[in-house]
All heavy atoms as atom14 arrays in JSON, in Angstrom:
{
  "sequence": "FTISRDNAKNTVYLQMSSLKPEETAVYYCNARVGTYYWGQGTQVTVS",
  "atom14_mask": [
    [1, 1, 1, 1, 1, 1, 1, 1, 1, 1, 1, 0, 0, 0],
    [1, 1, 1, 1, 1, 1, 1, 0, 0, 0, 0, 0, 0, 0],
    [1, 1, 1, 1, 1, 1, 1, 1, 0, 0, 0, 0, 0, 0],
    [1, 1, 1, 1, 1, 1, 0, 0, 0, 0, 0, 0, 0, 0],
    [1, 1, 1, 1, 1, 1, 1, 1, 1, 1, 1, 0, 0, 0],
    [1, 1, 1, 1, 1, 1, 1, 1, 0, 0, 0, 0, 0, 0],
    [1, 1, 1, 1, 1, 1, 1, 1, 0, 0, 0, 0, 0, 0],
    [1, 1, 1, 1, 1, 0, 0, 0, 0, 0, 0, 0, 0, 0],
    [1, 1, 1, 1, 1, 1, 1, 1, 1, 0, 0, 0, 0, 0],
    [1, 1, 1, 1, 1, 1, 1, 1, 0, 0, 0, 0, 0, 0],
    [1, 1, 1, 1, 1, 1, 1, 0, 0, 0, 0, 0, 0, 0],
    [1, 1, 1, 1, 1, 1, 1, 0, 0, 0, 0, 0, 0, 0],
    [1, 1, 1, 1, 1, 1, 1, 1, 1, 1, 1, 1, 0, 0],
    [1, 1, 1, 1, 1, 1, 1, 1, 0, 0, 0, 0, 0, 0],
    [1, 1, 1, 1, 1, 1, 1, 1, 1, 0, 0, 0, 0, 0],
    [1, 1, 1, 1, 1, 1, 1, 1, 0, 0, 0, 0, 0, 0],
    [1, 1, 1, 1, 1, 1, 0, 0, 0, 0, 0, 0, 0, 0],
    [1, 1, 1, 1, 1, 1, 0, 0, 0, 0, 0, 0, 0, 0],
    [1, 1, 1, 1, 1, 1, 1, 1, 0, 0, 0, 0, 0, 0],
    [1, 1, 1, 1, 1, 1, 1, 1, 1, 0, 0, 0, 0, 0],
    [1, 1, 1, 1, 1, 1, 1, 0, 0, 0, 0, 0, 0, 0],
    [1, 1, 1, 1, 1, 1, 1, 1, 1, 0, 0, 0, 0, 0],
    [1, 1, 1, 1, 1, 1, 1, 1, 1, 0, 0, 0, 0, 0],
    [1, 1, 1, 1, 1, 1, 1, 0, 0, 0, 0, 0, 0, 0],
    [1, 1, 1, 1, 1, 0, 0, 0, 0, 0, 0, 0, 0, 0],
    [1, 1, 1, 1, 1, 1, 1, 0, 0, 0, 0, 0, 0, 0],
    [1, 1, 1, 1, 1, 1, 1, 1, 1, 1, 1, 1, 0, 0],
    [1, 1, 1, 1, 1, 1, 1, 1, 1, 1, 1, 1, 0, 0],
    [1, 1, 1, 1, 1, 1, 0, 0, 0, 0, 0, 0, 0, 0],
    [1, 1, 1, 1, 1, 1, 1, 1, 0, 0, 0, 0, 0, 0],
    [1, 1, 1, 1, 1, 0, 0, 0, 0, 0, 0, 0, 0, 0],
    [1, 1, 1, 1, 1, 1, 1, 1, 1, 1, 1, 0, 0, 0],
    [1, 1, 1, 1, 1, 1, 1, 0, 0, 0, 0, 0, 0, 0],
    [1, 1, 1, 1, 0, 0, 0, 0, 0, 0, 0, 0, 0, 0],
    [1, 1, 1, 1, 1, 1, 1, 0, 0, 0, 0, 0, 0, 0],
    [1, 1, 1, 1, 1, 1, 1, 1, 1, 1, 1, 1, 0, 0],
    [1, 1, 1, 1, 1, 1, 1, 1, 1, 1, 1, 1, 0, 0],
    [1, 1, 1, 1, 1, 1, 1, 1, 1, 1, 1, 1, 1, 1],
    [1, 1, 1, 1, 0, 0, 0, 0, 0, 0, 0, 0, 0, 0],
    [1, 1, 1, 1, 1, 1, 1, 1, 1, 0, 0, 0, 0, 0],
    [1, 1, 1, 1, 0, 0, 0, 0, 0, 0, 0, 0, 0, 0],
    [1, 1, 1, 1, 1, 1, 1, 0, 0, 0, 0, 0, 0, 0],
    [1, 1, 1, 1, 1, 1, 1, 1, 1, 0, 0, 0, 0, 0],
    [1, 1, 1, 1, 1, 1, 1, 0, 0, 0, 0, 0, 0, 0],
    [1, 1, 1, 1, 1, 1, 1, 0, 0, 0, 0, 0, 0, 0],
    [1, 1, 1, 1, 1, 1, 1, 0, 0, 0, 0, 0, 0, 0],
    [1, 1, 1, 1, 1, 1, 0, 0, 0, 0, 0, 0, 0, 0]
  ],
  "atom14_positions": [
    [[86.18, -78.43, -33.88], [86.25, -76.85, -33.67], [85.05, -76.49, -32.78], [84.06, -77.16, -32.7], [86.02, -76.3, -35.04], [87.22, -76.44, -35.94], [88.27, -77.39, -35.75], [87.23, -75.53, -37.11], [89.33, -77.34, -36.64], [88.32, -75.56, -37.99], [89.35, -76.5, -37.73], [0.0, 0.0, 0.0], [0.0, 0.0, 0.0], [0.0, 0.0, 0.0]],
    [[85.29, -75.48, -32.04], [84.21, -74.8, -31.28], [84.22, -73.35, -31.43], [85.21, -72.61, -31.33], [84.44, -75.08, -29.74], [84.52, -76.56, -29.53], [83.29, -74.55, -28.91], [0.0, 0.0, 0.0], [0.0, 0.0, 0.0], [0.0, 0.0, 0.0], [0.0, 0.0, 0.0], [0.0, 0.0, 0.0], [0.0, 0.0, 0.0], [0.0, 0.0, 0.0]],
    [[83.08, -72.82, -31.76], [82.92, -71.31, -31.89], [82.22, -70.78, -30.61], [81.31, -71.52, -30.1], [82.04, -70.9, -33.12], [82.06, -69.39, -33.35], [80.7, -71.43, -33.07], [81.46, -68.96, -34.65], [0.0, 0.0, 0.0], [0.0, 0.0, 0.0], [0.0, 0.0, 0.0], [0.0, 0.0, 0.0], [0.0, 0.0, 0.0], [0.0, 0.0, 0.0]],
    [[82.69, -69.65, -30.12], [82.08, -69.07, -28.97], [82.06, -67.53, -29.04], [82.91, -67.07, -29.96], [82.84, -69.55, -27.63], [84.16, -69.17, -27.75], [0.0, 0.0, 0.0], [0.0, 0.0, 0.0], [0.0, 0.0, 0.0], [0.0, 0.0, 0.0], [0.0, 0.0, 0.0], [0.0, 0.0, 0.0], [0.0, 0.0, 0.0], [0.0, 0.0, 0.0]],
    [[81.33, -66.89, -28.23], [81.35, -65.46, -28.16], [81.44, -64.97, -26.72], [80.89, -65.58, -25.77], [80.13, -64.93, -28.91], [78.8, -65.43, -28.3], [77.64, -65.28, -29.27], [77.39, -63.8, -29.55], [76.7, -63.29, -30.44], [76.13, -64.12, -31.34], [76.47, -62.0, -30.5], [0.0, 0.0, 0.0], [0.0, 0.0, 0.0], [0.0, 0.0, 0.0]],
    [[82.13, -63.85, -26.61], [82.19, -63.14, -25.36], [81.59, -61.61, -25.63], [82.3, -60.82, -26.15], [83.58, -63.0, -24.81], [83.73, -62.36, -23.43], [82.74, -61.68, -22.99], [84.72, -62.64, -22.68], [0.0, 0.0, 0.0], [0.0, 0.0, 0.0], [0.0, 0.0, 0.0], [0.0, 0.0, 0.0], [0.0, 0.0, 0.0], [0.0, 0.0, 0.0]],
    [[80.33, -61.65, -25.28], [79.6, -60.3, -25.56], [80.27, -59.1, -24.79], [80.25, -58.02, -25.42], [78.16, -60.57, -25.2], [77.5, -61.5, -26.07], [77.75, -61.65, -27.22], [76.46, -62.13, -25.57], [0.0, 0.0, 0.0], [0.0, 0.0, 0.0], [0.0, 0.0, 0.0], [0.0, 0.0, 0.0], [0.0, 0.0, 0.0], [0.0, 0.0, 0.0]],
    [[80.72, -59.32, -23.71], [81.22, -58.15, -22.89], [82.61, -57.7, -23.56], [82.9, -56.49, -23.44], [81.61, -58.78, -21.55], [0.0, 0.0, 0.0], [0.0, 0.0, 0.0], [0.0, 0.0, 0.0], [0.0, 0.0, 0.0], [0.0, 0.0, 0.0], [0.0, 0.0, 0.0], [0.0, 0.0, 0.0], [0.0, 0.0, 0.0], [0.0, 0.0, 0.0]],
    [[83.29, -58.53, -24.25], [84.56, -58.18, -24.89], [84.4, -57.96, -26.4], [85.34, -57.61, -27.14], [85.64, -59.32, -24.69], [86.03, -59.52, -23.25], [87.09, -60.56, -23.1], [87.55, -60.66, -21.71], [88.54, -61.61, -21.52], [0.0, 0.0, 0.0], [0.0, 0.0, 0.0], [0.0, 0.0, 0.0], [0.0, 0.0, 0.0], [0.0, 0.0, 0.0]],
    [[83.0, -58.16, -26.98], [82.8, -57.99, -28.36], [83.83, -58.85, -29.28], [84.25, -58.39, -30.24], [82.99, -56.47, -28.81], [81.91, -55.61, -28.23], [80.81, -56.05, -27.9], [82.24, -54.42, -28.1], [0.0, 0.0, 0.0], [0.0, 0.0, 0.0], [0.0, 0.0, 0.0], [0.0, 0.0, 0.0], [0.0, 0.0, 0.0], [0.0, 0.0, 0.0]],
    [[83.9, -60.06, -28.79], [84.96, -61.0, -29.34], [84.19, -62.37, -29.7], [83.46, -62.81, -28.74], [86.03, -61.19, -28.41], [86.7, -59.92, -28.23], [87.15, -62.04, -29.01], [0.0, 0.0, 0.0], [0.0, 0.0, 0.0], [0.0, 0.0, 0.0], [0.0, 0.0, 0.0], [0.0, 0.0, 0.0], [0.0, 0.0, 0.0], [0.0, 0.0, 0.0]],
    [[84.66, -62.86, -30.75], [84.2, -64.16, -31.15], [85.54, -65.0, -31.25], [86.51, -64.6, -31.76], [83.39, -64.25, -32.54], [83.05, -65.59, -32.86], [82.19, -63.28, -32.35], [0.0, 0.0, 0.0], [0.0, 0.0, 0.0], [0.0, 0.0, 0.0], [0.0, 0.0, 0.0], [0.0, 0.0, 0.0], [0.0, 0.0, 0.0], [0.0, 0.0, 0.0]],
    [[85.49, -66.23, -30.85], [86.6, -67.2, -30.87], [86.31, -68.35, -31.73], [85.19, -68.82, -31.93], [86.94, -67.64, -29.4], [87.16, -66.59, -28.44], [86.17, -66.16, -27.64], [88.42, -65.96, -28.45], [86.48, -65.16, -26.71], [88.67, -64.95, -27.51], [87.57, -64.62, -26.75], [87.88, -63.5, -25.83], [0.0, 0.0, 0.0], [0.0, 0.0, 0.0]],
    [[87.32, -68.91, -32.17], [87.23, -70.25, -32.89], [88.37, -71.18, -32.35], [89.52, -70.98, -32.62], [87.37, -70.19, -34.45], [87.13, -71.51, -35.23], [85.84, -72.0, -35.05], [87.6, -71.34, -36.59], [0.0, 0.0, 0.0], [0.0, 0.0, 0.0], [0.0, 0.0, 0.0], [0.0, 0.0, 0.0], [0.0, 0.0, 0.0], [0.0, 0.0, 0.0]],
    [[88.04, -72.2, -31.44], [88.95, -73.1, -30.92], [89.06, -74.24, -31.89], [88.03, -74.8, -32.24], [88.48, -73.5, -29.6], [89.44, -74.51, -28.89], [90.81, -74.01, -28.6], [90.84, -72.99, -27.92], [91.89, -74.7, -29.06], [0.0, 0.0, 0.0], [0.0, 0.0, 0.0], [0.0, 0.0, 0.0], [0.0, 0.0, 0.0], [0.0, 0.0, 0.0]],
    [[90.28, -74.47, -32.44], [90.41, -75.52, -33.33], [91.5, -76.61, -32.8], [92.48, -76.18, -32.35], [91.09, -75.04, -34.69], [90.31, -73.79, -35.24], [90.87, -73.3, -36.79], [92.55, -72.51, -36.34], [0.0, 0.0, 0.0], [0.0, 0.0, 0.0], [0.0, 0.0, 0.0], [0.0, 0.0, 0.0], [0.0, 0.0, 0.0], [0.0, 0.0, 0.0]],
    [[91.16, -77.89, -32.97], [91.97, -78.84, -32.55], [92.04, -79.92, -33.53], [91.25, -79.96, -34.57], [91.45, -79.39, -31.25], [90.14, -80.03, -31.34], [0.0, 0.0, 0.0], [0.0, 0.0, 0.0], [0.0, 0.0, 0.0], [0.0, 0.0, 0.0], [0.0, 0.0, 0.0], [0.0, 0.0, 0.0], [0.0, 0.0, 0.0], [0.0, 0.0, 0.0]],
    [[93.01, -80.94, -33.37], [93.17, -82.0, -34.35], [93.28, -81.48, -35.73], [92.73, -81.97, -36.69], [92.23, -83.09, -34.21], [92.13, -83.59, -32.91], [0.0, 0.0, 0.0], [0.0, 0.0, 0.0], [0.0, 0.0, 0.0], [0.0, 0.0, 0.0], [0.0, 0.0, 0.0], [0.0, 0.0, 0.0], [0.0, 0.0, 0.0], [0.0, 0.0, 0.0]],
    [[94.05, -80.39, -35.89], [94.04, -79.64, -37.16], [94.84, -80.64, -38.24], [95.71, -81.29, -37.98], [94.85, -78.45, -37.15], [93.98, -77.26, -36.54], [94.89, -76.14, -36.03], [93.09, -76.78, -37.58], [0.0, 0.0, 0.0], [0.0, 0.0, 0.0], [0.0, 0.0, 0.0], [0.0, 0.0, 0.0], [0.0, 0.0, 0.0], [0.0, 0.0, 0.0]],
    [[94.34, -80.44, -39.43], [94.88, -81.25, -40.66], [95.53, -80.39, -41.68], [95.16, -79.16, -41.8], [93.7, -81.96, -41.24], [92.92, -82.94, -40.33], [91.69, -83.38, -41.01], [90.72, -84.12, -40.0], [89.47, -84.7, -40.79], [0.0, 0.0, 0.0], [0.0, 0.0, 0.0], [0.0, 0.0, 0.0], [0.0, 0.0, 0.0], [0.0, 0.0, 0.0]],
    [[96.58, -80.81, -42.38], [97.19, -80.04, -43.37], [96.17, -79.38, -44.43], [96.46, -78.29, -44.82], [98.22, -81.09, -44.11], [98.36, -82.09, -43.06], [97.11, -82.12, -42.24], [0.0, 0.0, 0.0], [0.0, 0.0, 0.0], [0.0, 0.0, 0.0], [0.0, 0.0, 0.0], [0.0, 0.0, 0.0], [0.0, 0.0, 0.0], [0.0, 0.0, 0.0]],
    [[95.19, -80.25, -44.72], [94.23, -79.65, -45.64], [93.36, -78.37, -45.16], [92.51, -77.77, -46.01], [93.18, -80.65, -46.35], [92.5, -81.53, -45.15], [93.29, -82.75, -44.77], [94.47, -82.78, -44.76], [92.42, -83.79, -44.56], [0.0, 0.0, 0.0], [0.0, 0.0, 0.0], [0.0, 0.0, 0.0], [0.0, 0.0, 0.0], [0.0, 0.0, 0.0]],
    [[93.6, -78.16, -43.88], [92.92, -77.06, -43.29], [93.69, -75.73, -43.31], [93.3, -74.74, -42.82], [92.42, -77.44, -41.75], [91.36, -78.48, -41.96], [90.81, -78.86, -40.56], [91.63, -79.27, -39.7], [89.55, -79.14, -40.37], [0.0, 0.0, 0.0], [0.0, 0.0, 0.0], [0.0, 0.0, 0.0], [0.0, 0.0, 0.0], [0.0, 0.0, 0.0]],
    [[94.87, -75.96, -44.01], [95.57, -74.65, -44.27], [94.72, -73.62, -45.14], [94.34, -74.0, -46.1], [96.88, -74.98, -44.94], [97.66, -75.82, -44.0], [97.68, -73.82, -45.35], [0.0, 0.0, 0.0], [0.0, 0.0, 0.0], [0.0, 0.0, 0.0], [0.0, 0.0, 0.0], [0.0, 0.0, 0.0], [0.0, 0.0, 0.0], [0.0, 0.0, 0.0]],
    [[94.63, -72.42, -44.57], [93.88, -71.46, -45.37], [93.88, -70.04, -44.51], [94.44, -70.08, -43.43], [92.3, -72.0, -45.2], [0.0, 0.0, 0.0], [0.0, 0.0, 0.0], [0.0, 0.0, 0.0], [0.0, 0.0, 0.0], [0.0, 0.0, 0.0], [0.0, 0.0, 0.0], [0.0, 0.0, 0.0], [0.0, 0.0, 0.0], [0.0, 0.0, 0.0]],
    [[93.39, -69.13, -45.11], [93.12, -67.91, -44.48], [91.72, -68.0, -43.88], [90.72, -68.33, -44.49], [93.17, -66.69, -45.4], [92.81, -65.33, -44.68], [94.52, -66.56, -46.12], [0.0, 0.0, 0.0], [0.0, 0.0, 0.0], [0.0, 0.0, 0.0], [0.0, 0.0, 0.0], [0.0, 0.0, 0.0], [0.0, 0.0, 0.0], [0.0, 0.0, 0.0]],
    [[91.71, -67.59, -42.49], [90.44, -67.67, -41.83], [89.95, -66.33, -41.56], [90.57, -65.39, -41.19], [90.59, -68.45, -40.35], [90.82, -69.93, -40.61], [91.84, -70.46, -41.25], [89.8, -70.79, -40.13], [91.98, -71.83, -41.37], [89.86, -72.21, -40.35], [91.03, -72.71, -40.97], [91.14, -74.04, -41.07], [0.0, 0.0, 0.0], [0.0, 0.0, 0.0]],
    [[88.65, -66.13, -41.94], [87.98, -64.79, -41.81], [86.85, -64.84, -40.94], [85.91, -65.65, -40.84], [87.44, -64.44, -43.21], [88.43, -64.33, -44.32], [88.81, -65.32, -45.1], [88.95, -63.08, -44.57], [89.69, -65.26, -46.15], [89.92, -62.82, -45.53], [90.26, -63.94, -46.32], [91.12, -63.84, -47.34], [0.0, 0.0, 0.0], [0.0, 0.0, 0.0]],
    [[86.79, -63.73, -40.2], [85.66, -63.49, -39.3], [84.54, -62.75, -40.02], [84.83, -61.9, -40.89], [86.14, -62.68, -38.02], [84.82, -62.37, -36.84], [0.0, 0.0, 0.0], [0.0, 0.0, 0.0], [0.0, 0.0, 0.0], [0.0, 0.0, 0.0], [0.0, 0.0, 0.0], [0.0, 0.0, 0.0], [0.0, 0.0, 0.0], [0.0, 0.0, 0.0]],
    [[83.33, -63.09, -39.63], [82.13, -62.45, -40.5], [80.99, -62.14, -39.35], [80.73, -62.78, -38.59], [81.7, -63.57, -41.35], [80.35, -63.25, -42.02], [79.29, -63.85, -41.65], [80.24, -62.28, -42.89], [0.0, 0.0, 0.0], [0.0, 0.0, 0.0], [0.0, 0.0, 0.0], [0.0, 0.0, 0.0], [0.0, 0.0, 0.0], [0.0, 0.0, 0.0]],
    [[80.58, -60.97, -39.57], [79.37, -60.47, -38.73], [78.21, -60.12, -39.71], [78.38, -59.58, -40.71], [79.7, -59.22, -38.0], [0.0, 0.0, 0.0], [0.0, 0.0, 0.0], [0.0, 0.0, 0.0], [0.0, 0.0, 0.0], [0.0, 0.0, 0.0], [0.0, 0.0, 0.0], [0.0, 0.0, 0.0], [0.0, 0.0, 0.0], [0.0, 0.0, 0.0]],
    [[77.08, -60.53, -39.31], [75.89, -60.38, -40.12], [74.68, -59.67, -39.53], [74.25, -60.01, -38.41], [75.29, -61.74, -40.66], [76.31, -62.74, -41.13], [75.78, -64.09, -41.21], [76.77, -64.91, -41.84], [76.48, -66.26, -42.31], [75.17, -66.6, -42.13], [77.32, -66.93, -42.81], [0.0, 0.0, 0.0], [0.0, 0.0, 0.0], [0.0, 0.0, 0.0]],
    [[74.26, -58.54, -40.27], [72.96, -57.94, -39.92], [72.41, -57.27, -41.1], [72.59, -56.22, -41.39], [73.11, -56.86, -38.68], [74.22, -55.8, -39.17], [71.82, -56.38, -38.23], [0.0, 0.0, 0.0], [0.0, 0.0, 0.0], [0.0, 0.0, 0.0], [0.0, 0.0, 0.0], [0.0, 0.0, 0.0], [0.0, 0.0, 0.0], [0.0, 0.0, 0.0]],
    [[71.91, -58.24, -42.07], [71.51, -57.77, -43.34], [72.78, -57.77, -44.18], [73.09, -58.66, -44.94], [0.0, 0.0, 0.0], [0.0, 0.0, 0.0], [0.0, 0.0, 0.0], [0.0, 0.0, 0.0], [0.0, 0.0, 0.0], [0.0, 0.0, 0.0], [0.0, 0.0, 0.0], [0.0, 0.0, 0.0], [0.0, 0.0, 0.0], [0.0, 0.0, 0.0]],
    [[73.71, -56.88, -43.98], [75.04, -56.7, -44.67], [75.95, -57.7, -43.87], [75.91, -57.88, -42.67], [75.51, -55.29, -44.53], [74.62, -54.42, -45.11], [76.94, -55.2, -45.19], [0.0, 0.0, 0.0], [0.0, 0.0, 0.0], [0.0, 0.0, 0.0], [0.0, 0.0, 0.0], [0.0, 0.0, 0.0], [0.0, 0.0, 0.0], [0.0, 0.0, 0.0]],
    [[76.91, -58.11, -44.75], [77.99, -58.97, -44.22], [79.14, -58.1, -44.07], [79.58, -57.34, -45.02], [78.27, -60.16, -45.2], [77.46, -61.41, -45.19], [76.01, -61.36, -44.81], [78.0, -62.68, -45.44], [75.13, -62.37, -44.74], [77.1, -63.79, -45.46], [75.8, -63.57, -45.07], [74.95, -64.83, -45.05], [0.0, 0.0, 0.0], [0.0, 0.0, 0.0]],
    [[79.83, -58.23, -42.91], [81.06, -57.61, -42.52], [82.09, -58.6, -42.46], [81.89, -59.61, -41.93], [80.91, -56.61, -41.31], [79.84, -55.54, -41.4], [78.56, -55.78, -40.94], [80.25, -54.42, -41.95], [77.69, -54.89, -40.96], [79.3, -53.37, -41.94], [78.0, -53.68, -41.51], [76.98, -52.62, -41.63], [0.0, 0.0, 0.0], [0.0, 0.0, 0.0]],
    [[83.3, -58.26, -42.89], [84.5, -59.14, -42.91], [85.69, -58.55, -42.24], [85.97, -57.37, -42.37], [84.79, -59.65, -44.39], [83.7, -60.22, -45.06], [82.77, -59.72, -45.93], [83.53, -61.65, -44.99], [81.99, -60.75, -46.36], [82.38, -61.88, -45.84], [84.05, -62.76, -44.38], [81.82, -63.15, -45.98], [83.56, -63.95, -44.56], [82.44, -64.23, -45.53]],
    [[86.48, -59.31, -41.63], [87.84, -59.13, -41.18], [88.89, -59.23, -42.34], [88.49, -59.69, -43.46], [0.0, 0.0, 0.0], [0.0, 0.0, 0.0], [0.0, 0.0, 0.0], [0.0, 0.0, 0.0], [0.0, 0.0, 0.0], [0.0, 0.0, 0.0], [0.0, 0.0, 0.0], [0.0, 0.0, 0.0], [0.0, 0.0, 0.0], [0.0, 0.0, 0.0]],
    [[90.14, -58.98, -41.96], [91.19, -58.95, -43.04], [91.66, -60.5, -43.18], [92.41, -60.79, -44.28], [92.37, -58.11, -42.72], [93.24, -58.48, -41.77], [92.72, -58.61, -40.32], [91.65, -58.04, -39.98], [93.51, -59.34, -39.43], [0.0, 0.0, 0.0], [0.0, 0.0, 0.0], [0.0, 0.0, 0.0], [0.0, 0.0, 0.0], [0.0, 0.0, 0.0]],
    [[91.42, -61.21, -42.21], [91.88, -62.72, -42.22], [93.08, -62.87, -41.52], [93.83, -62.1, -41.3], [0.0, 0.0, 0.0], [0.0, 0.0, 0.0], [0.0, 0.0, 0.0], [0.0, 0.0, 0.0], [0.0, 0.0, 0.0], [0.0, 0.0, 0.0], [0.0, 0.0, 0.0], [0.0, 0.0, 0.0], [0.0, 0.0, 0.0], [0.0, 0.0, 0.0]],
    [[93.24, -64.16, -41.05], [94.46, -64.59, -40.47], [94.86, -65.96, -41.07], [94.05, -66.85, -41.19], [94.21, -64.61, -38.91], [95.52, -65.02, -38.27], [93.12, -65.76, -38.46], [0.0, 0.0, 0.0], [0.0, 0.0, 0.0], [0.0, 0.0, 0.0], [0.0, 0.0, 0.0], [0.0, 0.0, 0.0], [0.0, 0.0, 0.0], [0.0, 0.0, 0.0]],
    [[96.16, -66.02, -41.31], [96.63, -67.31, -41.95], [96.84, -68.42, -40.99], [97.5, -68.21, -39.96], [97.88, -66.9, -42.74], [98.69, -68.11, -43.41], [97.81, -68.73, -44.56], [97.45, -67.85, -45.25], [97.65, -69.91, -44.57], [0.0, 0.0, 0.0], [0.0, 0.0, 0.0], [0.0, 0.0, 0.0], [0.0, 0.0, 0.0], [0.0, 0.0, 0.0]],
    [[96.4, -69.51, -41.22], [96.54, -70.82, -40.56], [97.32, -71.77, -41.47], [96.74, -72.14, -42.57], [95.16, -71.4, -39.95], [95.49, -72.72, -39.3], [94.59, -70.5, -38.9], [0.0, 0.0, 0.0], [0.0, 0.0, 0.0], [0.0, 0.0, 0.0], [0.0, 0.0, 0.0], [0.0, 0.0, 0.0], [0.0, 0.0, 0.0], [0.0, 0.0, 0.0]],
    [[98.42, -72.24, -41.07], [99.23, -73.16, -41.78], [99.38, -74.35, -40.95], [100.04, -74.3, -39.84], [100.62, -72.64, -42.22], [100.34, -71.39, -43.03], [101.41, -73.51, -43.03], [0.0, 0.0, 0.0], [0.0, 0.0, 0.0], [0.0, 0.0, 0.0], [0.0, 0.0, 0.0], [0.0, 0.0, 0.0], [0.0, 0.0, 0.0], [0.0, 0.0, 0.0]],
    [[99.05, -75.54, -41.42], [99.12, -76.78, -40.7], [100.13, -77.59, -41.43], [99.84, -78.16, -42.6], [97.77, -77.6, -40.65], [98.03, -78.84, -39.79], [96.6, -76.7, -40.1], [0.0, 0.0, 0.0], [0.0, 0.0, 0.0], [0.0, 0.0, 0.0], [0.0, 0.0, 0.0], [0.0, 0.0, 0.0], [0.0, 0.0, 0.0], [0.0, 0.0, 0.0]],
    [[101.39, -77.79, -40.95], [102.47, -78.3, -41.52], [103.48, -79.04, -40.62], [103.63, -78.25, -39.56], [103.09, -77.5, -42.71], [104.15, -78.05, -43.28], [0.0, 0.0, 0.0], [0.0, 0.0, 0.0], [0.0, 0.0, 0.0], [0.0, 0.0, 0.0], [0.0, 0.0, 0.0], [0.0, 0.0, 0.0], [0.0, 0.0, 0.0], [0.0, 0.0, 0.0]]
  ]
}
């Protein structure tokens, strides 16, 4: 996996490769500045 950020686009990425079935989950983005902020999540299903 590789995490990266594009500051100009206010976007963070997670590149995932060689995915495994046990990595099936809801993936959440998180931003921190004292308080933690969360997204609604996106489902990843490896099957």
